[in-house]
Amino acid sequence: MEMLRMTGISKAFFGVTVLDNVDFAVEQGEVHALLGENGAGKSTLMNILAGVYTRDKGSVVFEGKDMGHITVQASEQAGIAFVQLWLTRRKEVNQ
């Protein structure tokens, strides 16, 4: 069963396109990791899902319900959460 579908997601900041027509889907029980270079749009895509950023284009359907305009509150109420991990050198952590 499909749990999440993000279709045609686009986002630009100050005229710079960071996401261009991105599709992403997750079936119930699946675990996904988004990997890519700095600036690839991974965090932006998840921040759109979490309601931190608004998308310029596209749609988000979660558990069969069109999320429309997503806010942080609406995302939390729907049970949407993601874990953002940063890899850093130990020396930097101790400073």
N, C-alpha and C. Protein backbone atom coordinates (compact mmCIF):
# COMPACT_ATOMS: atom_id res chain seq x y z
N MET A 1 0.84 -1.18 0.00
CA MET A 1 0.00 0.00 0.00
C MET A 1 0.88 1.24 0.00
N GLU A 2 0.56 2.18 -0.85
CA GLU A 2 1.36 3.40 -0.93
C GLU A 2 1.05 4.32 0.25
N MET A 3 2.09 4.72 0.96
CA MET A 3 1.94 5.59 2.12
C MET A 3 2.15 7.05 1.74
N LEU A 4 3.12 7.32 0.85
CA LEU A 4 3.46 8.70 0.48
C LEU A 4 3.73 8.78 -1.00
N ARG A 5 3.19 9.82 -1.64
CA ARG A 5 3.53 10.11 -3.02
C ARG A 5 3.70 11.62 -3.17
N MET A 6 4.91 12.00 -3.57
CA MET A 6 5.20 13.40 -3.90
C MET A 6 5.40 13.42 -5.41
N THR A 7 4.61 14.25 -6.10
CA THR A 7 4.61 14.25 -7.56
C THR A 7 4.88 15.65 -8.10
N GLY A 8 5.84 15.75 -9.02
CA GLY A 8 6.12 17.00 -9.70
C GLY A 8 6.54 18.13 -8.79
N ILE A 9 7.26 17.81 -7.72
CA ILE A 9 7.65 18.83 -6.74
C ILE A 9 8.74 19.73 -7.32
N SER A 10 8.47 21.02 -7.29
CA SER A 10 9.44 22.02 -7.74
C SER A 10 9.56 23.10 -6.67
N LYS A 11 10.78 23.62 -6.53
CA LYS A 11 11.03 24.68 -5.56
C LYS A 11 12.22 25.50 -6.03
N ALA A 12 12.09 26.82 -5.92
CA ALA A 12 13.20 27.72 -6.24
C ALA A 12 13.36 28.71 -5.09
N PHE A 13 14.59 29.10 -4.83
CA PHE A 13 14.89 30.14 -3.86
C PHE A 13 15.55 31.29 -4.60
N PHE A 14 14.94 32.46 -4.54
CA PHE A 14 15.48 33.67 -5.17
C PHE A 14 15.84 33.42 -6.64
N GLY A 15 14.96 32.71 -7.34
CA GLY A 15 15.15 32.46 -8.77
C GLY A 15 16.06 31.29 -9.10
N VAL A 16 16.62 30.64 -8.09
CA VAL A 16 17.50 29.48 -8.31
C VAL A 16 16.70 28.21 -8.05
N THR A 17 16.53 27.39 -9.08
CA THR A 17 15.77 26.15 -8.95
C THR A 17 16.58 25.12 -8.18
N VAL A 18 15.99 24.61 -7.10
CA VAL A 18 16.67 23.58 -6.31
C VAL A 18 16.00 22.23 -6.45
N LEU A 19 14.71 22.22 -6.78
CA LEU A 19 13.98 20.99 -7.10
C LEU A 19 13.19 21.25 -8.37
N ASP A 20 13.30 20.33 -9.33
CA ASP A 20 12.63 20.52 -10.62
C ASP A 20 11.86 19.26 -11.00
N ASN A 21 10.55 19.27 -10.71
CA ASN A 21 9.66 18.18 -11.12
C ASN A 21 10.07 16.83 -10.50
N VAL A 22 10.28 16.81 -9.19
CA VAL A 22 10.74 15.62 -8.48
C VAL A 22 9.55 14.74 -8.08
N ASP A 23 9.68 13.44 -8.31
CA ASP A 23 8.71 12.45 -7.87
C ASP A 23 9.38 11.56 -6.82
N PHE A 24 8.62 11.23 -5.77
CA PHE A 24 9.12 10.39 -4.69
C PHE A 24 7.94 9.64 -4.10
N ALA A 25 8.08 8.32 -3.96
CA ALA A 25 6.99 7.52 -3.40
C ALA A 25 7.54 6.51 -2.41
N VAL A 26 6.74 6.22 -1.38
CA VAL A 26 7.12 5.26 -0.35
C VAL A 26 5.93 4.35 -0.09
N GLU A 27 6.18 3.05 -0.16
CA GLU A 27 5.16 2.06 0.19
C GLU A 27 5.21 1.82 1.70
N GLN A 28 4.08 1.42 2.27
CA GLN A 28 4.04 1.11 3.69
C GLN A 28 5.07 0.05 4.02
N GLY A 29 5.84 0.26 5.09
CA GLY A 29 6.86 -0.69 5.53
C GLY A 29 8.23 -0.49 4.92
N GLU A 30 8.34 0.38 3.92
CA GLU A 30 9.64 0.63 3.30
C GLU A 30 10.43 1.66 4.10
N VAL A 31 11.74 1.59 3.97
CA VAL A 31 12.65 2.57 4.54
C VAL A 31 13.49 3.12 3.39
N HIS A 32 13.60 4.42 3.30
CA HIS A 32 14.37 5.05 2.23
C HIS A 32 15.43 5.97 2.82
N ALA A 33 16.50 6.13 2.09
CA ALA A 33 17.53 7.11 2.42
C ALA A 33 17.74 7.98 1.19
N LEU A 34 17.77 9.28 1.37
CA LEU A 34 18.05 10.20 0.28
C LEU A 34 19.53 10.54 0.33
N LEU A 35 20.23 10.24 -0.74
CA LEU A 35 21.66 10.49 -0.80
C LEU A 35 21.97 11.38 -1.98
N GLY A 36 22.95 12.23 -1.83
CA GLY A 36 23.36 13.09 -2.93
C GLY A 36 24.35 14.13 -2.46
N GLU A 37 24.88 14.83 -3.43
CA GLU A 37 25.86 15.87 -3.13
C GLU A 37 25.21 17.04 -2.40
N ASN A 38 26.03 17.88 -1.79
CA ASN A 38 25.53 19.11 -1.20
C ASN A 38 24.79 19.91 -2.27
N GLY A 39 23.64 20.42 -1.90
CA GLY A 39 22.87 21.23 -2.84
C GLY A 39 21.98 20.44 -3.78
N ALA A 40 21.91 19.12 -3.59
CA ALA A 40 21.10 18.29 -4.49
C ALA A 40 19.61 18.42 -4.24
N GLY A 41 19.20 18.94 -3.08
CA GLY A 41 17.80 19.15 -2.80
C GLY A 41 17.18 18.17 -1.81
N LYS A 42 17.99 17.34 -1.20
CA LYS A 42 17.48 16.32 -0.26
C LYS A 42 16.75 16.97 0.91
N SER A 43 17.39 17.88 1.58
CA SER A 43 16.79 18.54 2.73
C SER A 43 15.59 19.38 2.32
N THR A 44 15.67 20.02 1.19
CA THR A 44 14.55 20.83 0.71
C THR A 44 13.32 19.97 0.48
N LEU A 45 13.49 18.80 -0.13
CA LEU A 45 12.36 17.90 -0.37
C LEU A 45 11.72 17.48 0.95
N MET A 46 12.52 17.11 1.93
CA MET A 46 11.98 16.68 3.22
C MET A 46 11.38 17.86 4.00
N ASN A 47 11.97 19.04 3.85
CA ASN A 47 11.40 20.22 4.51
C ASN A 47 10.06 20.62 3.90
N ILE A 48 9.86 20.35 2.62
CA ILE A 48 8.55 20.55 2.01
C ILE A 48 7.55 19.57 2.61
N LEU A 49 7.94 18.31 2.73
CA LEU A 49 7.06 17.30 3.32
C LEU A 49 6.71 17.65 4.77
N ALA A 50 7.66 18.21 5.50
CA ALA A 50 7.45 18.55 6.91
C ALA A 50 6.75 19.90 7.09
N GLY A 51 6.51 20.63 6.02
CA GLY A 51 5.83 21.90 6.11
C GLY A 51 6.71 23.08 6.45
N VAL A 52 8.01 22.87 6.47
CA VAL A 52 8.94 23.96 6.76
C VAL A 52 9.01 24.92 5.56
N TYR A 53 9.07 24.37 4.35
CA TYR A 53 9.05 25.15 3.10
C TYR A 53 7.76 24.83 2.35
N THR A 54 7.28 25.81 1.59
CA THR A 54 6.16 25.56 0.69
C THR A 54 6.71 25.19 -0.68
N ARG A 55 6.03 24.28 -1.36
CA ARG A 55 6.45 23.91 -2.71
C ARG A 55 5.90 24.92 -3.69
N ASP A 56 6.62 25.13 -4.79
CA ASP A 56 6.15 26.02 -5.84
C ASP A 56 5.18 25.30 -6.76
N LYS A 57 5.42 24.01 -6.99
CA LYS A 57 4.56 23.18 -7.85
C LYS A 57 4.53 21.78 -7.28
N GLY A 58 3.54 21.01 -7.71
CA GLY A 58 3.48 19.61 -7.36
C GLY A 58 2.43 19.30 -6.31
N SER A 59 2.33 18.01 -5.99
CA SER A 59 1.34 17.57 -5.01
C SER A 59 1.96 16.56 -4.05
N VAL A 60 1.37 16.50 -2.87
CA VAL A 60 1.79 15.55 -1.84
C VAL A 60 0.54 14.82 -1.35
N VAL A 61 0.58 13.50 -1.45
CA VAL A 61 -0.51 12.66 -0.94
C VAL A 61 0.09 11.76 0.14
N PHE A 62 -0.49 11.82 1.34
CA PHE A 62 -0.01 11.00 2.45
C PHE A 62 -1.16 10.16 2.95
N GLU A 63 -0.98 8.84 2.96
CA GLU A 63 -1.99 7.88 3.37
C GLU A 63 -3.31 8.13 2.65
N GLY A 64 -3.20 8.40 1.34
CA GLY A 64 -4.37 8.57 0.49
C GLY A 64 -5.04 9.93 0.56
N LYS A 65 -4.50 10.84 1.37
CA LYS A 65 -5.10 12.16 1.53
C LYS A 65 -4.20 13.24 0.93
N ASP A 66 -4.78 14.06 0.05
CA ASP A 66 -4.04 15.18 -0.54
C ASP A 66 -3.74 16.16 0.59
N MET A 67 -2.46 16.46 0.77
CA MET A 67 -2.04 17.32 1.87
C MET A 67 -2.25 18.81 1.59
N GLY A 68 -2.54 19.17 0.34
CA GLY A 68 -2.77 20.57 0.02
C GLY A 68 -1.59 21.43 0.44
N HIS A 69 -1.90 22.54 1.11
CA HIS A 69 -0.85 23.43 1.64
C HIS A 69 -0.38 22.84 2.97
N ILE A 70 0.85 22.36 3.01
CA ILE A 70 1.37 21.69 4.20
C ILE A 70 1.98 22.71 5.15
N THR A 71 1.56 22.65 6.40
CA THR A 71 2.19 23.44 7.45
C THR A 71 2.91 22.46 8.38
N VAL A 72 3.77 22.98 9.23
CA VAL A 72 4.45 22.13 10.20
C VAL A 72 3.41 21.45 11.08
N GLN A 73 2.41 22.19 11.50
CA GLN A 73 1.36 21.64 12.37
C GLN A 73 0.59 20.52 11.65
N ALA A 74 0.22 20.73 10.40
CA ALA A 74 -0.51 19.71 9.64
C ALA A 74 0.35 18.47 9.44
N SER A 75 1.62 18.67 9.18
CA SER A 75 2.54 17.55 9.01
C SER A 75 2.65 16.73 10.30
N GLU A 76 2.81 17.42 11.42
CA GLU A 76 2.91 16.73 12.71
C GLU A 76 1.61 15.99 13.04
N GLN A 77 0.47 16.62 12.77
CA GLN A 77 -0.82 15.98 13.06
C GLN A 77 -1.02 14.74 12.20
N ALA A 78 -0.48 14.74 10.98
CA ALA A 78 -0.59 13.58 10.10
C ALA A 78 0.36 12.46 10.51
N GLY A 79 1.32 12.78 11.41
CA GLY A 79 2.29 11.78 11.86
C GLY A 79 3.53 11.72 10.99
N ILE A 80 3.77 12.75 10.21
CA ILE A 80 4.95 12.80 9.34
C ILE A 80 6.15 13.26 10.14
N ALA A 81 7.25 12.52 10.03
CA ALA A 81 8.50 12.88 10.70
C ALA A 81 9.66 12.35 9.88
N PHE A 82 10.77 13.02 9.93
CA PHE A 82 11.97 12.50 9.30
C PHE A 82 13.17 12.81 10.18
N VAL A 83 14.20 12.01 10.03
CA VAL A 83 15.41 12.17 10.81
C VAL A 83 16.50 12.66 9.87
N GLN A 84 17.08 13.79 10.20
CA GLN A 84 18.15 14.35 9.40
C GLN A 84 19.46 14.11 10.15
N LEU A 85 20.37 13.42 9.51
CA LEU A 85 21.65 13.10 10.14
C LEU A 85 22.78 13.85 9.45
N TRP A 86 23.72 14.26 10.23
CA TRP A 86 24.90 14.96 9.71
C TRP A 86 26.13 14.14 10.08
N LEU A 87 26.97 13.93 9.12
CA LEU A 87 28.23 13.26 9.37
C LEU A 87 29.29 14.34 9.53
N THR A 88 29.99 14.28 10.64
CA THR A 88 31.01 15.29 10.90
C THR A 88 32.22 14.62 11.55
N ARG A 89 33.32 15.32 11.54
CA ARG A 89 34.52 14.78 12.17
C ARG A 89 34.43 14.97 13.68
N ARG A 90 34.95 14.02 14.41
CA ARG A 90 34.88 14.06 15.87
C ARG A 90 35.49 15.34 16.43
N LYS A 91 36.57 15.79 15.84
CA LYS A 91 37.25 17.00 16.31
C LYS A 91 36.26 18.18 16.32
N GLU A 92 35.43 18.29 15.29
CA GLU A 92 34.48 19.40 15.20
C GLU A 92 33.39 19.29 16.26
N VAL A 93 32.99 18.09 16.61
CA VAL A 93 31.96 17.88 17.61
C VAL A 93 32.43 18.34 18.97
N ASN A 94 33.69 18.10 19.28
CA ASN A 94 34.23 18.45 20.60
C ASN A 94 34.55 19.92 20.77
N GLN A 95 34.52 20.69 19.72
CA GLN A 95 34.87 22.11 19.84
C GLN A 95 33.75 22.93 20.40
